[in-house]
Amino acid sequence: MKQITKKRFIAGAICPTCKQLDTLMWWKVAHMEMQECVKCGYSERRSDASSDGLDDKTKESLIGIFKPQ
């Protein structure tokens, strides 16, 4: 049975390539986070471990990070 992956648009996000607003969608495949622009086809993928991009000092001051399921 094929697993269905939910793709979500990232509200307020601007594509780094075409500079269009609200065209980036996000989803997860295995342990990879994927992003893709529906306008120009730009895509990016990264592993869960490096996805937050925060340094240790910033992490200490955070209460939590919202991660949609």
N, C-alpha and C. Protein backbone atom coordinates (compact mmCIF):
# COMPACT_ATOMS: atom_id res chain seq x y z
N MET A 1 0.83 -1.18 0.00
CA MET A 1 0.00 0.00 0.00
C MET A 1 0.88 1.25 0.00
N LYS A 2 0.58 2.18 -0.88
CA LYS A 2 1.37 3.40 -1.02
C LYS A 2 0.98 4.41 0.06
N GLN A 3 1.99 4.99 0.72
CA GLN A 3 1.75 5.99 1.75
C GLN A 3 1.57 7.36 1.10
N ILE A 4 0.54 8.09 1.52
CA ILE A 4 0.26 9.41 0.98
C ILE A 4 1.00 10.45 1.80
N THR A 5 1.72 11.33 1.11
CA THR A 5 2.48 12.39 1.77
C THR A 5 1.69 13.69 1.67
N LYS A 6 1.44 14.32 2.81
CA LYS A 6 0.75 15.61 2.82
C LYS A 6 1.74 16.71 2.52
N LYS A 7 1.41 17.52 1.53
CA LYS A 7 2.24 18.67 1.19
C LYS A 7 1.51 19.92 1.67
N ARG A 8 2.26 20.83 2.26
CA ARG A 8 1.68 22.05 2.82
C ARG A 8 2.39 23.27 2.24
N PHE A 9 1.61 24.32 1.98
CA PHE A 9 2.21 25.57 1.55
C PHE A 9 2.76 26.29 2.77
N ILE A 10 3.87 27.01 2.59
CA ILE A 10 4.51 27.76 3.66
C ILE A 10 4.02 29.21 3.54
N ALA A 11 3.10 29.59 4.42
CA ALA A 11 2.49 30.92 4.36
C ALA A 11 3.54 32.01 4.54
N GLY A 12 3.53 32.97 3.65
CA GLY A 12 4.43 34.12 3.74
C GLY A 12 5.83 33.88 3.23
N ALA A 13 6.12 32.67 2.75
CA ALA A 13 7.46 32.36 2.27
C ALA A 13 7.66 32.88 0.85
N ILE A 14 8.87 33.34 0.57
CA ILE A 14 9.24 33.84 -0.75
C ILE A 14 10.26 32.89 -1.35
N CYS A 15 10.01 32.48 -2.58
CA CYS A 15 10.93 31.58 -3.28
C CYS A 15 12.26 32.29 -3.51
N PRO A 16 13.39 31.65 -3.16
CA PRO A 16 14.69 32.29 -3.35
C PRO A 16 15.08 32.45 -4.83
N THR A 17 14.44 31.71 -5.73
CA THR A 17 14.78 31.80 -7.15
C THR A 17 13.90 32.79 -7.91
N CYS A 18 12.58 32.59 -7.86
CA CYS A 18 11.69 33.46 -8.65
C CYS A 18 11.10 34.62 -7.86
N LYS A 19 11.35 34.64 -6.54
CA LYS A 19 10.91 35.73 -5.64
C LYS A 19 9.39 35.87 -5.53
N GLN A 20 8.64 34.82 -5.86
CA GLN A 20 7.18 34.84 -5.74
C GLN A 20 6.77 34.50 -4.31
N LEU A 21 5.74 35.15 -3.83
CA LEU A 21 5.22 34.94 -2.48
C LEU A 21 4.21 33.80 -2.47
N ASP A 22 4.27 32.99 -1.42
CA ASP A 22 3.31 31.89 -1.19
C ASP A 22 3.29 30.83 -2.29
N THR A 23 4.45 30.50 -2.83
CA THR A 23 4.51 29.44 -3.84
C THR A 23 5.31 28.23 -3.37
N LEU A 24 5.89 28.29 -2.16
CA LEU A 24 6.69 27.18 -1.64
C LEU A 24 5.82 26.19 -0.88
N MET A 25 5.98 24.91 -1.20
CA MET A 25 5.31 23.87 -0.42
C MET A 25 6.35 23.02 0.28
N TRP A 26 5.96 22.40 1.40
CA TRP A 26 6.85 21.65 2.27
C TRP A 26 6.24 20.29 2.53
N TRP A 27 7.08 19.25 2.58
CA TRP A 27 6.63 17.92 2.97
C TRP A 27 7.83 17.11 3.43
N LYS A 28 7.54 15.96 4.01
CA LYS A 28 8.58 15.08 4.54
C LYS A 28 8.55 13.75 3.81
N VAL A 29 9.74 13.26 3.47
CA VAL A 29 9.89 11.93 2.88
C VAL A 29 10.97 11.23 3.70
N ALA A 30 10.59 10.12 4.33
CA ALA A 30 11.50 9.40 5.23
C ALA A 30 12.03 10.39 6.27
N HIS A 31 13.34 10.61 6.30
CA HIS A 31 13.92 11.55 7.26
C HIS A 31 14.44 12.81 6.57
N MET A 32 13.81 13.16 5.45
CA MET A 32 14.20 14.34 4.69
C MET A 32 13.04 15.32 4.64
N GLU A 33 13.35 16.61 4.81
CA GLU A 33 12.36 17.67 4.61
C GLU A 33 12.56 18.21 3.20
N MET A 34 11.47 18.33 2.48
CA MET A 34 11.52 18.77 1.09
C MET A 34 10.78 20.10 0.95
N GLN A 35 11.28 20.98 0.08
CA GLN A 35 10.61 22.22 -0.28
C GLN A 35 10.63 22.32 -1.79
N GLU A 36 9.55 22.84 -2.35
CA GLU A 36 9.50 23.03 -3.79
C GLU A 36 8.61 24.22 -4.13
N CYS A 37 9.03 24.99 -5.12
CA CYS A 37 8.24 26.11 -5.60
C CYS A 37 7.34 25.62 -6.73
N VAL A 38 6.04 25.87 -6.62
CA VAL A 38 5.10 25.41 -7.64
C VAL A 38 5.14 26.31 -8.88
N LYS A 39 5.78 27.46 -8.77
CA LYS A 39 5.85 28.40 -9.88
C LYS A 39 7.05 28.12 -10.79
N CYS A 40 8.26 28.00 -10.20
CA CYS A 40 9.47 27.88 -11.02
C CYS A 40 10.15 26.50 -10.92
N GLY A 41 9.73 25.66 -9.95
CA GLY A 41 10.32 24.33 -9.82
C GLY A 41 11.52 24.25 -8.90
N TYR A 42 11.93 25.38 -8.30
CA TYR A 42 13.03 25.36 -7.33
C TYR A 42 12.74 24.29 -6.28
N SER A 43 13.77 23.53 -5.89
CA SER A 43 13.58 22.55 -4.83
C SER A 43 14.79 22.50 -3.92
N GLU A 44 14.52 22.11 -2.69
CA GLU A 44 15.57 21.99 -1.67
C GLU A 44 15.20 20.82 -0.78
N ARG A 45 16.21 20.07 -0.37
CA ARG A 45 15.97 19.00 0.60
C ARG A 45 17.05 19.03 1.65
N ARG A 46 16.66 18.65 2.86
CA ARG A 46 17.62 18.60 3.97
C ARG A 46 17.17 17.57 4.98
N SER A 47 18.14 17.07 5.73
CA SER A 47 17.83 16.06 6.74
C SER A 47 17.20 16.72 7.96
N ASP A 48 16.44 15.95 8.73
CA ASP A 48 15.78 16.46 9.94
C ASP A 48 16.76 17.08 10.91
N ALA A 49 17.91 16.48 11.10
CA ALA A 49 18.88 16.93 12.10
C ALA A 49 19.38 18.35 11.83
N SER A 50 19.56 18.71 10.57
CA SER A 50 20.10 20.03 10.26
C SER A 50 19.01 21.02 9.86
N SER A 51 17.76 20.64 9.95
CA SER A 51 16.69 21.46 9.40
C SER A 51 16.40 22.73 10.19
N ASP A 52 16.69 22.77 11.49
CA ASP A 52 16.34 23.97 12.23
C ASP A 52 17.32 25.12 11.99
N GLY A 53 18.58 24.82 11.68
CA GLY A 53 19.55 25.85 11.34
C GLY A 53 19.85 26.83 12.47
N LEU A 54 19.66 26.44 13.70
CA LEU A 54 19.87 27.33 14.84
C LEU A 54 21.18 26.98 15.55
N ASP A 55 21.87 28.02 16.04
CA ASP A 55 23.08 27.76 16.81
C ASP A 55 22.71 27.38 18.26
N ASP A 56 23.69 26.92 19.03
CA ASP A 56 23.44 26.43 20.39
C ASP A 56 22.90 27.52 21.31
N LYS A 57 23.41 28.75 21.19
CA LYS A 57 22.95 29.84 22.06
C LYS A 57 21.47 30.14 21.81
N THR A 58 21.06 30.14 20.54
CA THR A 58 19.66 30.38 20.19
C THR A 58 18.79 29.25 20.72
N LYS A 59 19.24 28.01 20.60
CA LYS A 59 18.46 26.87 21.07
C LYS A 59 18.22 26.93 22.57
N GLU A 60 19.19 27.44 23.33
CA GLU A 60 19.05 27.54 24.78
C GLU A 60 17.92 28.49 25.17
N SER A 61 17.69 29.53 24.38
CA SER A 61 16.68 30.53 24.73
C SER A 61 15.29 30.21 24.18
N LEU A 62 15.17 29.15 23.40
CA LEU A 62 13.88 28.78 22.82
C LEU A 62 13.03 27.98 23.79
N ILE A 63 11.74 28.21 23.71
CA ILE A 63 10.80 27.41 24.48
C ILE A 63 10.48 26.13 23.69
N GLY A 64 10.30 26.28 22.40
CA GLY A 64 10.01 25.12 21.56
C GLY A 64 9.97 25.51 20.10
N ILE A 65 10.05 24.53 19.22
CA ILE A 65 9.97 24.73 17.78
C ILE A 65 8.78 23.96 17.27
N PHE A 66 7.88 24.64 16.57
CA PHE A 66 6.70 23.99 16.00
C PHE A 66 7.09 23.21 14.77
N LYS A 67 6.77 21.92 14.75
CA LYS A 67 7.02 21.07 13.59
C LYS A 67 5.71 20.38 13.23
N PRO A 68 5.10 20.75 12.11
CA PRO A 68 3.85 20.09 11.71
C PRO A 68 4.07 18.62 11.43
N GLN A 69 3.05 17.83 11.70
CA GLN A 69 3.17 16.38 11.50
C GLN A 69 2.60 15.96 10.20
